[in-house]
Every structure is written in structure tokens, then in C-alpha cells.
């Protein structure tokens, strides 16, 4: 499998693109973390309500227990305190639910902030890189010697712009049919460069 071009300039661009994608992913992960932390601060009122409810419930429960066994009064005084403790429990549950809702929202928001730009760039990068790898890997199998250049010369005549072909020969097809080695090699080099490959060395 051929991951990078043989041509130094193109290989440098590919390495820079790979590093750029990694930096992009890191950047948006950090931004998502900041967004997550900032959103979690919205749950502070819920945490305060939860703490206040728990404190009130504990105070009322302790007070009810303290007066529960007073002589002659039985539990008539303890009941109101225990009822108030239930109200504190309701406040505690409401605060806990608010905190949980904020936690879920913070996670969802952070994932959305991170994944949207990361996926868009990664999909584009993967399409371009996989296209290059497939093309370069397949072409590499045929680049062994000058006779293999016929195939790339044919592909060049089919794929390359006419202006490029005209710079090589006024009649590239005729030169190919005549077996003109210089023209065939020049045509093949056009196609090989597009595939990110160097032509094989010229044999004596």
C-alpha cells in the first residue's frame, strides 16, 4: 500500500494535510471540552437546590426525632417536622433532576460542537487520501521498466488535457504508434505525476 507520493512537493503537502487534520481534531475536542465545562455551570442552581433540600430534610428529620418521645405528646409534634422533611426531599429531588438534565445537555452540546466540524473535514480528507492510495498503489504495480510506460502513455492520451499533450508532441498518438520512446516516456510521466509516482529509471 502506497500512502505518500514519491514527489517531494506533493509528499510534503500530504504530510502537512495529515498533520493539519490532527490539529483540527485536537482543536475542536478542546473547544468541545470548554463548551461542556461552561454548560455544566448552568447546573449550579440545581446543585444548590439539592444541597438546600438535603440540609432542610436532615434538619427537620433530626428535629422530629428529637421531639418524638417527649412524655404525654407521643408523636403529635414529630409529625409536622417529618412532613416538612418530605418537602425538603422534594426540593432535593428537583435539584438532582435539574443537575442531571444539565449534564445530559452539556454532553450532547459538546458532542455536537466537536463532531460536526471534525466529521466534515475527516470525510473530505479520507475521500482524498483513499483515492490517492488506491490509485498510487494500483499504478505502482506497473512501474517496473520502460515497457510498462506504454500503459501510462495511453492513459495520458485519454486523461490529460490537450494543452499538456501538445507540449510533448504535435502528434502524440502517431508517436505512440511509431514507438517513439521519448514521447512515450514524456506522456507516461504526466500520468505518473498525477498518481504521485516517479517513472522508472531509463535503461541503457
N, C-alpha and C. Protein backbone atom coordinates (compact mmCIF):
# COMPACT_ATOMS: atom_id res chain seq x y z
N UNK A 1 0.85 -1.20 0.00
CA UNK A 1 0.00 0.00 0.00
C UNK A 1 0.89 1.25 0.00
N UNK A 2 0.60 2.15 -0.90
CA UNK A 2 1.41 3.37 -1.02
C UNK A 2 0.64 4.53 -0.41
N UNK A 3 1.15 5.05 0.70
CA UNK A 3 0.43 6.09 1.43
C UNK A 3 0.82 7.50 1.00
N UNK A 4 2.07 7.68 0.54
CA UNK A 4 2.54 9.02 0.21
C UNK A 4 3.18 9.03 -1.17
N UNK A 5 3.17 10.21 -1.75
CA UNK A 5 3.71 10.40 -3.09
C UNK A 5 5.23 10.26 -3.10
N UNK A 6 5.77 9.85 -4.27
CA UNK A 6 7.21 9.84 -4.46
C UNK A 6 7.75 11.25 -4.70
N UNK A 7 6.89 12.16 -5.12
CA UNK A 7 7.31 13.51 -5.47
C UNK A 7 7.42 14.35 -4.20
N UNK A 8 8.57 14.92 -3.92
CA UNK A 8 8.79 15.61 -2.63
C UNK A 8 7.76 16.70 -2.32
N UNK A 9 7.43 17.54 -3.29
CA UNK A 9 6.50 18.64 -3.02
C UNK A 9 5.11 18.11 -2.66
N UNK A 10 4.67 17.12 -3.42
CA UNK A 10 3.34 16.55 -3.14
C UNK A 10 3.34 15.79 -1.82
N UNK A 11 4.43 15.06 -1.55
CA UNK A 11 4.52 14.34 -0.28
C UNK A 11 4.48 15.31 0.90
N UNK A 12 5.16 16.44 0.75
CA UNK A 12 5.16 17.44 1.81
C UNK A 12 3.75 17.98 2.04
N UNK A 13 3.01 18.22 0.95
CA UNK A 13 1.62 18.69 1.10
C UNK A 13 0.76 17.64 1.78
N UNK A 14 0.98 16.37 1.45
CA UNK A 14 0.19 15.30 2.06
C UNK A 14 0.48 15.19 3.56
N UNK A 15 1.76 15.26 3.93
CA UNK A 15 2.11 15.20 5.36
C UNK A 15 1.52 16.40 6.09
N UNK A 16 1.62 17.59 5.46
CA UNK A 16 1.05 18.80 6.08
C UNK A 16 -0.46 18.66 6.25
N UNK A 17 -1.13 18.08 5.25
CA UNK A 17 -2.58 17.88 5.34
C UNK A 17 -2.93 16.92 6.47
N UNK A 18 -2.15 15.84 6.61
CA UNK A 18 -2.40 14.87 7.68
C UNK A 18 -2.23 15.53 9.05
N UNK A 19 -1.14 16.30 9.20
CA UNK A 19 -0.92 16.99 10.47
C UNK A 19 -1.99 18.04 10.71
N UNK A 20 -2.43 18.69 9.64
CA UNK A 20 -3.49 19.69 9.78
C UNK A 20 -4.80 19.07 10.27
N UNK A 21 -5.11 17.88 9.76
CA UNK A 21 -6.33 17.18 10.20
C UNK A 21 -6.23 16.82 11.68
N UNK A 22 -5.05 16.33 12.10
CA UNK A 22 -4.86 16.01 13.52
C UNK A 22 -5.02 17.26 14.39
N UNK A 23 -4.44 18.38 13.94
CA UNK A 23 -4.57 19.63 14.69
C UNK A 23 -6.02 20.09 14.74
N UNK A 24 -6.74 19.91 13.63
CA UNK A 24 -8.16 20.29 13.57
C UNK A 24 -8.98 19.48 14.57
N UNK A 25 -8.74 18.18 14.62
CA UNK A 25 -9.46 17.31 15.56
C UNK A 25 -9.15 17.74 17.00
N UNK A 26 -7.88 17.96 17.29
CA UNK A 26 -7.49 18.37 18.65
C UNK A 26 -8.14 19.70 19.03
N UNK A 27 -8.13 20.65 18.09
CA UNK A 27 -8.71 21.97 18.35
C UNK A 27 -10.18 21.86 18.73
N UNK A 28 -10.94 21.08 17.96
CA UNK A 28 -12.38 21.01 18.22
C UNK A 28 -12.71 20.15 19.44
N UNK A 29 -11.85 19.21 19.76
CA UNK A 29 -12.03 18.46 21.02
C UNK A 29 -11.84 19.40 22.21
N UNK A 30 -10.81 20.26 22.13
CA UNK A 30 -10.58 21.23 23.21
C UNK A 30 -11.73 22.22 23.32
N UNK A 31 -12.21 22.70 22.16
CA UNK A 31 -13.35 23.63 22.18
C UNK A 31 -14.57 22.96 22.79
N UNK A 32 -14.81 21.70 22.42
CA UNK A 32 -15.96 20.97 22.97
C UNK A 32 -15.83 20.81 24.48
N UNK A 33 -14.60 20.57 24.96
CA UNK A 33 -14.40 20.46 26.40
C UNK A 33 -14.73 21.78 27.11
N UNK A 34 -14.31 22.89 26.50
CA UNK A 34 -14.63 24.20 27.08
C UNK A 34 -16.14 24.43 27.11
N UNK A 35 -16.80 24.09 26.01
CA UNK A 35 -18.26 24.25 25.94
C UNK A 35 -18.94 23.38 26.99
N UNK A 36 -18.46 22.15 27.14
CA UNK A 36 -19.02 21.22 28.13
C UNK A 36 -18.88 21.79 29.54
N UNK A 37 -17.68 22.28 29.86
CA UNK A 37 -17.45 22.83 31.20
C UNK A 37 -18.30 24.08 31.46
N UNK A 38 -18.40 24.94 30.43
CA UNK A 38 -19.20 26.15 30.59
C UNK A 38 -20.68 25.82 30.76
N UNK A 39 -21.15 24.81 30.04
CA UNK A 39 -22.57 24.44 30.14
C UNK A 39 -22.87 23.81 31.49
N UNK A 40 -21.92 23.06 32.03
CA UNK A 40 -22.14 22.44 33.34
C UNK A 40 -22.38 23.48 34.43
N UNK A 41 -21.84 24.69 34.24
CA UNK A 41 -22.05 25.74 35.25
C UNK A 41 -23.53 26.12 35.36
N UNK A 42 -24.31 25.83 34.32
CA UNK A 42 -25.74 26.11 34.38
C UNK A 42 -26.45 25.24 35.41
N UNK A 43 -25.80 24.15 35.80
CA UNK A 43 -26.40 23.26 36.80
C UNK A 43 -26.14 23.68 38.23
N UNK A 44 -25.42 24.79 38.43
CA UNK A 44 -25.12 25.23 39.78
C UNK A 44 -26.38 25.53 40.61
N UNK A 45 -27.40 26.21 40.06
CA UNK A 45 -28.63 26.40 40.85
C UNK A 45 -29.26 25.07 41.28
N UNK A 46 -29.20 24.07 40.39
CA UNK A 46 -29.73 22.77 40.76
C UNK A 46 -28.96 22.13 41.90
N UNK A 47 -27.63 22.27 41.87
CA UNK A 47 -26.83 21.72 42.96
C UNK A 47 -27.12 22.44 44.28
N UNK A 48 -27.31 23.76 44.20
CA UNK A 48 -27.64 24.50 45.42
C UNK A 48 -29.01 24.07 45.96
N UNK A 49 -29.97 23.91 45.05
CA UNK A 49 -31.30 23.47 45.47
C UNK A 49 -31.22 22.08 46.08
N UNK A 50 -30.42 21.21 45.48
CA UNK A 50 -30.26 19.85 46.01
C UNK A 50 -29.65 19.88 47.41
N UNK A 51 -28.60 20.68 47.58
CA UNK A 51 -27.95 20.78 48.89
C UNK A 51 -28.89 21.39 49.93
N UNK A 52 -29.62 22.43 49.50
CA UNK A 52 -30.55 23.07 50.44
C UNK A 52 -31.65 22.10 50.85
N UNK A 53 -32.19 21.36 49.88
CA UNK A 53 -33.23 20.39 50.18
C UNK A 53 -32.74 19.30 51.11
N UNK A 54 -31.49 18.82 50.84
CA UNK A 54 -30.93 17.77 51.70
C UNK A 54 -30.70 18.30 53.11
N UNK A 55 -30.20 19.54 53.20
CA UNK A 55 -29.97 20.12 54.53
C UNK A 55 -31.27 20.33 55.29
N UNK A 56 -32.29 20.84 54.60
CA UNK A 56 -33.59 21.07 55.24
C UNK A 56 -34.20 19.74 55.68
N UNK A 57 -34.11 18.73 54.79
CA UNK A 57 -34.67 17.42 55.14
C UNK A 57 -33.97 16.85 56.37
N UNK A 58 -32.66 16.95 56.42
CA UNK A 58 -31.93 16.42 57.56
C UNK A 58 -32.26 17.16 58.85
N UNK A 59 -32.41 18.49 58.74
CA UNK A 59 -32.72 19.28 59.94
C UNK A 59 -34.10 18.92 60.47
N UNK A 60 -35.08 18.83 59.57
CA UNK A 60 -36.45 18.51 60.00
C UNK A 60 -36.55 17.09 60.54
N UNK A 61 -35.80 16.17 59.92
CA UNK A 61 -35.82 14.79 60.41
C UNK A 61 -35.22 14.71 61.81
N UNK A 62 -34.11 15.41 62.02
CA UNK A 62 -33.47 15.42 63.34
C UNK A 62 -34.40 16.04 64.39
N UNK A 63 -35.07 17.13 63.97
CA UNK A 63 -35.98 17.79 64.91
C UNK A 63 -37.15 16.87 65.25
N UNK A 64 -37.67 16.19 64.27
CA UNK A 64 -38.77 15.24 64.52
C UNK A 64 -38.34 14.12 65.43
N UNK A 65 -37.15 13.60 65.22
CA UNK A 65 -36.64 12.53 66.09
C UNK A 65 -36.44 13.02 67.52
N UNK A 66 -36.04 14.30 67.65
CA UNK A 66 -35.76 14.85 68.98
C UNK A 66 -37.03 14.98 69.82
N UNK A 67 -38.15 15.30 69.20
CA UNK A 67 -39.39 15.51 69.97
C UNK A 67 -40.31 14.30 69.92
N UNK A 68 -39.86 13.24 69.27
CA UNK A 68 -40.73 12.09 69.03
C UNK A 68 -41.14 11.41 70.33
N UNK A 69 -40.26 11.36 71.29
CA UNK A 69 -40.53 10.57 72.51
C UNK A 69 -40.74 11.45 73.74
N UNK A 70 -41.19 12.69 73.50
CA UNK A 70 -41.50 13.54 74.65
C UNK A 70 -42.71 12.97 75.41
N UNK A 71 -42.66 13.03 76.72
CA UNK A 71 -43.78 12.48 77.51
C UNK A 71 -45.09 13.20 77.20
N UNK A 72 -46.15 12.46 77.18
CA UNK A 72 -47.53 12.95 77.02
C UNK A 72 -47.87 13.38 75.59
N UNK A 73 -46.87 13.77 74.77
CA UNK A 73 -47.18 14.30 73.44
C UNK A 73 -47.17 13.25 72.35
N UNK A 74 -46.64 12.08 72.69
CA UNK A 74 -46.49 10.99 71.72
C UNK A 74 -45.80 11.52 70.46
N UNK A 75 -46.42 11.30 69.27
CA UNK A 75 -45.74 11.76 68.06
C UNK A 75 -46.45 12.94 67.41
N UNK A 76 -47.33 13.64 68.18
CA UNK A 76 -48.11 14.74 67.58
C UNK A 76 -47.21 15.91 67.17
N UNK A 77 -46.14 16.14 67.86
CA UNK A 77 -45.23 17.23 67.47
C UNK A 77 -44.26 16.76 66.38
N UNK A 78 -43.90 15.48 66.41
CA UNK A 78 -42.93 14.96 65.44
C UNK A 78 -43.49 14.92 64.02
N UNK A 79 -44.82 14.71 63.89
CA UNK A 79 -45.41 14.57 62.55
C UNK A 79 -45.20 15.80 61.68
N UNK A 80 -45.46 17.03 62.15
CA UNK A 80 -45.21 18.21 61.28
C UNK A 80 -43.75 18.32 60.84
N UNK A 81 -42.83 17.99 61.73
CA UNK A 81 -41.41 18.06 61.35
C UNK A 81 -41.10 17.05 60.24
N UNK A 82 -41.67 15.86 60.36
CA UNK A 82 -41.41 14.84 59.35
C UNK A 82 -42.10 15.17 58.02
N UNK A 83 -43.24 15.82 58.09
CA UNK A 83 -43.89 16.28 56.86
C UNK A 83 -43.03 17.34 56.16
N UNK A 84 -42.46 18.24 56.96
CA UNK A 84 -41.57 19.25 56.39
C UNK A 84 -40.33 18.61 55.81
N UNK A 85 -39.86 17.53 56.41
CA UNK A 85 -38.70 16.82 55.88
C UNK A 85 -39.01 16.26 54.49
N UNK A 86 -40.27 15.82 54.30
CA UNK A 86 -40.67 15.33 52.97
C UNK A 86 -40.61 16.44 51.93
N UNK A 87 -40.96 17.67 52.33
CA UNK A 87 -40.86 18.81 51.42
C UNK A 87 -39.40 19.05 51.03
N UNK A 88 -38.51 18.92 52.02
CA UNK A 88 -37.07 19.06 51.72
C UNK A 88 -36.60 17.99 50.74
N UNK A 89 -37.14 16.78 50.88
CA UNK A 89 -36.78 15.70 49.96
C UNK A 89 -37.23 16.02 48.54
N UNK A 90 -38.42 16.66 48.43
CA UNK A 90 -38.91 17.05 47.11
C UNK A 90 -37.99 18.09 46.46
N UNK A 91 -37.53 19.06 47.26
CA UNK A 91 -36.59 20.06 46.73
C UNK A 91 -35.28 19.39 46.31
N UNK A 92 -34.84 18.45 47.11
CA UNK A 92 -33.59 17.74 46.80
C UNK A 92 -33.71 16.98 45.48
N UNK A 93 -34.85 16.30 45.28
CA UNK A 93 -35.07 15.54 44.04
C UNK A 93 -35.15 16.48 42.84
N UNK A 94 -35.82 17.63 43.03
CA UNK A 94 -35.93 18.60 41.93
C UNK A 94 -34.54 19.12 41.54
N UNK A 95 -33.72 19.42 42.53
CA UNK A 95 -32.36 19.87 42.24
C UNK A 95 -31.54 18.81 41.54
N UNK A 96 -31.70 17.55 41.98
CA UNK A 96 -30.97 16.45 41.36
C UNK A 96 -31.40 16.26 39.90
N UNK A 97 -32.70 16.37 39.64
CA UNK A 97 -33.20 16.24 38.26
C UNK A 97 -32.67 17.37 37.37
N UNK A 98 -32.60 18.58 37.92
CA UNK A 98 -32.07 19.71 37.15
C UNK A 98 -30.61 19.50 36.80
N UNK A 99 -29.82 19.03 37.77
CA UNK A 99 -28.40 18.77 37.53
C UNK A 99 -28.23 17.68 36.46
N UNK A 100 -29.04 16.63 36.53
CA UNK A 100 -28.95 15.55 35.55
C UNK A 100 -29.30 16.05 34.15
N UNK A 101 -30.32 16.90 34.07
CA UNK A 101 -30.72 17.44 32.77
C UNK A 101 -29.61 18.32 32.18
N UNK A 102 -29.00 19.13 33.02
CA UNK A 102 -27.89 19.98 32.55
C UNK A 102 -26.71 19.12 32.11
N UNK A 103 -26.40 18.06 32.85
CA UNK A 103 -25.30 17.17 32.48
C UNK A 103 -25.54 16.54 31.11
N UNK A 104 -26.76 16.07 30.86
CA UNK A 104 -27.08 15.46 29.57
C UNK A 104 -26.99 16.50 28.45
N UNK A 105 -27.50 17.70 28.72
CA UNK A 105 -27.45 18.75 27.70
C UNK A 105 -26.01 19.16 27.40
N UNK A 106 -25.18 19.25 28.44
CA UNK A 106 -23.77 19.62 28.25
C UNK A 106 -23.04 18.59 27.40
N UNK A 107 -23.32 17.31 27.65
CA UNK A 107 -22.68 16.25 26.87
C UNK A 107 -23.14 16.29 25.42
N UNK A 108 -24.44 16.44 25.20
CA UNK A 108 -24.98 16.49 23.84
C UNK A 108 -24.43 17.69 23.07
N UNK A 109 -24.39 18.84 23.74
CA UNK A 109 -23.89 20.05 23.09
C UNK A 109 -22.41 19.91 22.74
N UNK A 110 -21.63 19.35 23.65
CA UNK A 110 -20.19 19.17 23.40
C UNK A 110 -19.95 18.21 22.23
N UNK A 111 -20.71 17.12 22.19
CA UNK A 111 -20.57 16.17 21.07
C UNK A 111 -20.93 16.82 19.75
N UNK A 112 -21.99 17.63 19.75
CA UNK A 112 -22.40 18.31 18.52
C UNK A 112 -21.34 19.30 18.06
N UNK A 113 -20.83 20.07 19.00
CA UNK A 113 -19.81 21.07 18.67
C UNK A 113 -18.56 20.39 18.12
N UNK A 114 -18.16 19.26 18.68
CA UNK A 114 -16.93 18.59 18.25
C UNK A 114 -17.13 17.80 16.96
N UNK A 115 -18.19 17.02 16.91
CA UNK A 115 -18.33 16.07 15.81
C UNK A 115 -18.67 16.72 14.48
N UNK A 116 -19.45 17.80 14.50
CA UNK A 116 -19.86 18.40 13.23
C UNK A 116 -18.66 18.85 12.38
N UNK A 117 -17.77 19.72 12.88
CA UNK A 117 -16.63 20.11 12.05
C UNK A 117 -15.62 18.99 11.84
N UNK A 118 -15.46 18.11 12.85
CA UNK A 118 -14.49 17.03 12.71
C UNK A 118 -14.91 16.05 11.62
N UNK A 119 -16.18 15.66 11.62
CA UNK A 119 -16.66 14.70 10.63
C UNK A 119 -16.60 15.29 9.23
N UNK A 120 -16.97 16.56 9.07
CA UNK A 120 -16.92 17.18 7.75
C UNK A 120 -15.51 17.15 7.17
N UNK A 121 -14.52 17.51 7.98
CA UNK A 121 -13.14 17.53 7.50
C UNK A 121 -12.61 16.11 7.31
N UNK A 122 -12.91 15.21 8.26
CA UNK A 122 -12.40 13.85 8.16
C UNK A 122 -12.94 13.12 6.93
N UNK A 123 -14.21 13.32 6.64
CA UNK A 123 -14.79 12.66 5.46
C UNK A 123 -14.10 13.14 4.19
N UNK A 124 -13.91 14.47 4.06
CA UNK A 124 -13.22 15.01 2.89
C UNK A 124 -11.80 14.48 2.81
N UNK A 125 -11.09 14.50 3.94
CA UNK A 125 -9.71 14.02 3.96
C UNK A 125 -9.63 12.53 3.62
N UNK A 126 -10.52 11.73 4.18
CA UNK A 126 -10.50 10.29 3.90
C UNK A 126 -10.78 9.99 2.43
N UNK A 127 -11.72 10.73 1.83
CA UNK A 127 -12.04 10.51 0.41
C UNK A 127 -10.81 10.80 -0.44
N UNK A 128 -10.16 11.95 -0.20
CA UNK A 128 -9.00 12.33 -0.99
C UNK A 128 -7.82 11.38 -0.77
N UNK A 129 -7.56 11.03 0.49
CA UNK A 129 -6.42 10.16 0.79
C UNK A 129 -6.66 8.75 0.26
N UNK A 130 -7.86 8.24 0.44
CA UNK A 130 -8.13 6.88 -0.04
C UNK A 130 -8.08 6.82 -1.57
N UNK A 131 -8.52 7.90 -2.24
CA UNK A 131 -8.44 7.94 -3.70
C UNK A 131 -6.98 7.89 -4.15
N UNK A 132 -6.14 8.69 -3.47
CA UNK A 132 -4.72 8.67 -3.83
C UNK A 132 -4.11 7.30 -3.57
N UNK A 133 -4.37 6.73 -2.39
CA UNK A 133 -3.77 5.44 -2.02
C UNK A 133 -4.17 4.36 -3.02
N UNK A 134 -5.45 4.31 -3.38
CA UNK A 134 -5.90 3.29 -4.35
C UNK A 134 -5.20 3.47 -5.69
N UNK A 135 -5.16 4.72 -6.16
CA UNK A 135 -4.59 4.97 -7.48
C UNK A 135 -3.09 4.72 -7.49
N UNK A 136 -2.39 5.24 -6.47
CA UNK A 136 -0.93 5.08 -6.42
C UNK A 136 -0.54 3.62 -6.21
N UNK A 137 -1.28 2.91 -5.36
CA UNK A 137 -0.96 1.51 -5.10
C UNK A 137 -1.16 0.67 -6.35
N UNK A 138 -2.26 0.92 -7.08
CA UNK A 138 -2.51 0.17 -8.32
C UNK A 138 -1.47 0.50 -9.38
N UNK A 139 -1.12 1.80 -9.51
CA UNK A 139 -0.15 2.19 -10.54
C UNK A 139 1.23 1.66 -10.21
N UNK A 140 1.58 1.60 -8.93
CA UNK A 140 2.91 1.16 -8.52
C UNK A 140 3.22 -0.25 -9.03
N UNK A 141 2.21 -1.06 -9.15
CA UNK A 141 2.40 -2.44 -9.60
C UNK A 141 2.93 -2.51 -11.03
N UNK A 142 2.65 -1.46 -11.83
CA UNK A 142 3.03 -1.49 -13.24
C UNK A 142 4.31 -0.73 -13.54
N UNK A 143 4.84 -0.01 -12.54
CA UNK A 143 6.03 0.80 -12.79
C UNK A 143 7.26 -0.03 -12.45
N UNK A 144 7.70 -0.81 -13.41
CA UNK A 144 8.89 -1.64 -13.21
C UNK A 144 9.98 -1.32 -14.24
N UNK A 145 9.59 -1.05 -15.46
CA UNK A 145 10.58 -0.82 -16.51
C UNK A 145 9.94 0.01 -17.61
N UNK A 146 10.76 0.43 -18.58
CA UNK A 146 10.27 1.28 -19.66
C UNK A 146 9.11 0.66 -20.45
N UNK A 147 9.13 -0.67 -20.73
CA UNK A 147 7.98 -1.21 -21.47
C UNK A 147 6.64 -0.98 -20.79
N UNK A 148 6.64 -0.86 -19.45
CA UNK A 148 5.38 -0.61 -18.74
C UNK A 148 4.86 0.79 -19.00
N UNK A 149 5.70 1.68 -19.50
CA UNK A 149 5.27 3.06 -19.69
C UNK A 149 4.24 3.20 -20.79
N UNK A 150 4.14 2.21 -21.67
CA UNK A 150 3.10 2.26 -22.71
C UNK A 150 1.71 2.44 -22.11
N UNK A 151 1.45 1.70 -21.03
CA UNK A 151 0.13 1.78 -20.40
C UNK A 151 -0.15 3.19 -19.90
N UNK A 152 0.83 3.80 -19.25
CA UNK A 152 0.64 5.15 -18.72
C UNK A 152 0.58 6.20 -19.84
N UNK A 153 1.31 5.95 -20.93
CA UNK A 153 1.22 6.86 -22.08
C UNK A 153 -0.19 6.82 -22.68
N UNK A 154 -0.75 5.64 -22.78
CA UNK A 154 -2.13 5.52 -23.28
C UNK A 154 -3.12 6.23 -22.36
N UNK A 155 -2.95 6.03 -21.08
CA UNK A 155 -3.84 6.70 -20.13
C UNK A 155 -3.68 8.22 -20.21
N UNK A 156 -2.44 8.67 -20.41
CA UNK A 156 -2.22 10.12 -20.53
C UNK A 156 -2.97 10.67 -21.74
N UNK A 157 -2.91 9.97 -22.86
CA UNK A 157 -3.62 10.46 -24.05
C UNK A 157 -5.13 10.48 -23.84
N UNK A 158 -5.63 9.60 -22.95
CA UNK A 158 -7.07 9.57 -22.69
C UNK A 158 -7.49 10.57 -21.61
N UNK A 159 -6.58 10.85 -20.65
CA UNK A 159 -6.97 11.63 -19.47
C UNK A 159 -6.42 13.04 -19.41
N UNK A 160 -5.25 13.28 -19.97
CA UNK A 160 -4.59 14.57 -19.80
C UNK A 160 -5.19 15.63 -20.73
N UNK A 161 -5.16 16.88 -20.32
CA UNK A 161 -5.68 17.96 -21.18
C UNK A 161 -4.87 18.05 -22.48
N UNK A 162 -5.54 18.50 -23.53
CA UNK A 162 -4.90 18.61 -24.83
C UNK A 162 -3.70 19.55 -24.80
N UNK A 163 -3.78 20.60 -23.99
CA UNK A 163 -2.66 21.55 -23.95
C UNK A 163 -1.38 20.88 -23.44
N UNK A 164 -1.51 19.99 -22.48
CA UNK A 164 -0.33 19.28 -21.99
C UNK A 164 0.22 18.32 -23.05
N UNK A 165 -0.68 17.63 -23.73
CA UNK A 165 -0.23 16.70 -24.77
C UNK A 165 0.47 17.45 -25.90
N UNK A 166 -0.04 18.64 -26.23
CA UNK A 166 0.54 19.41 -27.34
C UNK A 166 1.95 19.87 -27.01
N UNK A 167 2.23 20.07 -25.72
CA UNK A 167 3.59 20.48 -25.36
C UNK A 167 4.60 19.36 -25.58
N UNK A 168 4.12 18.13 -25.58
CA UNK A 168 5.02 16.99 -25.74
C UNK A 168 5.22 16.64 -27.22
N UNK A 169 4.11 16.65 -27.98
CA UNK A 169 4.22 16.30 -29.40
C UNK A 169 3.02 16.85 -30.16
N UNK A 170 3.25 17.20 -31.44
CA UNK A 170 2.12 17.63 -32.27
C UNK A 170 1.22 16.46 -32.62
N UNK A 171 1.77 15.25 -32.55
CA UNK A 171 1.00 14.05 -32.87
C UNK A 171 1.34 12.95 -31.87
N UNK A 172 0.86 13.08 -30.63
CA UNK A 172 1.24 12.09 -29.61
C UNK A 172 0.76 10.68 -29.95
N UNK A 173 -0.43 10.56 -30.53
CA UNK A 173 -0.92 9.22 -30.87
C UNK A 173 -0.06 8.58 -31.94
N UNK A 174 0.31 9.37 -32.95
CA UNK A 174 1.18 8.83 -34.00
C UNK A 174 2.54 8.45 -33.45
N UNK A 175 3.09 9.30 -32.56
CA UNK A 175 4.38 8.98 -31.96
C UNK A 175 4.29 7.71 -31.13
N UNK A 176 3.16 7.54 -30.44
CA UNK A 176 3.00 6.31 -29.65
C UNK A 176 2.94 5.09 -30.58
N UNK A 177 2.20 5.19 -31.69
CA UNK A 177 2.10 4.07 -32.62
C UNK A 177 3.47 3.74 -33.24
N UNK A 178 4.28 4.77 -33.47
CA UNK A 178 5.61 4.54 -34.03
C UNK A 178 6.59 4.02 -32.99
N UNK A 179 6.19 4.04 -31.74
CA UNK A 179 7.07 3.56 -30.68
C UNK A 179 8.14 4.55 -30.30
N UNK A 180 7.86 5.84 -30.45
CA UNK A 180 8.83 6.89 -30.09
C UNK A 180 9.03 6.87 -28.58
N UNK A 181 10.17 6.39 -28.13
CA UNK A 181 10.41 6.17 -26.70
C UNK A 181 10.38 7.47 -25.91
N UNK A 182 10.93 8.54 -26.48
CA UNK A 182 10.96 9.82 -25.76
C UNK A 182 9.56 10.35 -25.53
N UNK A 183 8.73 10.31 -26.58
CA UNK A 183 7.35 10.80 -26.44
C UNK A 183 6.57 9.91 -25.48
N UNK A 184 6.73 8.59 -25.61
CA UNK A 184 6.01 7.66 -24.73
C UNK A 184 6.38 7.94 -23.28
N UNK A 185 7.67 8.14 -23.02
CA UNK A 185 8.11 8.39 -21.65
C UNK A 185 7.55 9.72 -21.14
N UNK A 186 7.58 10.76 -21.99
CA UNK A 186 7.06 12.06 -21.57
C UNK A 186 5.57 11.99 -21.28
N UNK A 187 4.82 11.26 -22.10
CA UNK A 187 3.39 11.09 -21.85
C UNK A 187 3.16 10.34 -20.53
N UNK A 188 3.94 9.27 -20.34
CA UNK A 188 3.78 8.46 -19.13
C UNK A 188 4.09 9.27 -17.88
N UNK A 189 5.09 10.15 -17.97
CA UNK A 189 5.46 10.97 -16.81
C UNK A 189 4.30 11.84 -16.37
N UNK A 190 3.53 12.39 -17.35
CA UNK A 190 2.35 13.19 -16.99
C UNK A 190 1.39 12.39 -16.13
N UNK A 191 1.12 11.17 -16.55
CA UNK A 191 0.15 10.34 -15.82
C UNK A 191 0.72 9.88 -14.48
N UNK A 192 1.99 9.55 -14.47
CA UNK A 192 2.61 9.09 -13.23
C UNK A 192 2.66 10.20 -12.18
N UNK A 193 2.91 11.42 -12.61
CA UNK A 193 2.92 12.53 -11.67
C UNK A 193 1.55 12.72 -11.04
N UNK A 194 0.50 12.58 -11.83
CA UNK A 194 -0.84 12.70 -11.27
C UNK A 194 -1.11 11.60 -10.24
N UNK A 195 -0.46 10.44 -10.44
CA UNK A 195 -0.62 9.34 -9.48
C UNK A 195 0.36 9.45 -8.33
N UNK A 196 1.25 10.44 -8.36
CA UNK A 196 2.21 10.63 -7.28
C UNK A 196 3.40 9.70 -7.35
N UNK A 197 3.75 9.23 -8.58
CA UNK A 197 4.83 8.28 -8.74
C UNK A 197 5.94 8.85 -9.62
N UNK A 198 7.15 8.35 -9.40
CA UNK A 198 8.26 8.65 -10.29
C UNK A 198 8.32 7.59 -11.38
N UNK A 199 8.74 7.97 -12.57
CA UNK A 199 8.93 6.94 -13.62
C UNK A 199 10.13 6.09 -13.30
N UNK A 200 10.19 4.87 -13.83
CA UNK A 200 11.37 4.03 -13.60
C UNK A 200 12.59 4.63 -14.27
N UNK A 201 13.80 4.32 -13.79
CA UNK A 201 15.00 4.87 -14.43
C UNK A 201 15.14 4.40 -15.87
N UNK A 202 15.74 5.24 -16.69
CA UNK A 202 15.96 4.89 -18.10
C UNK A 202 17.02 3.81 -18.17
N UNK A 203 16.70 2.74 -18.90
CA UNK A 203 17.66 1.66 -19.06
C UNK A 203 18.50 1.88 -20.30
N UNK A 204 19.77 1.52 -20.21
CA UNK A 204 20.66 1.67 -21.37
C UNK A 204 20.25 0.70 -22.46
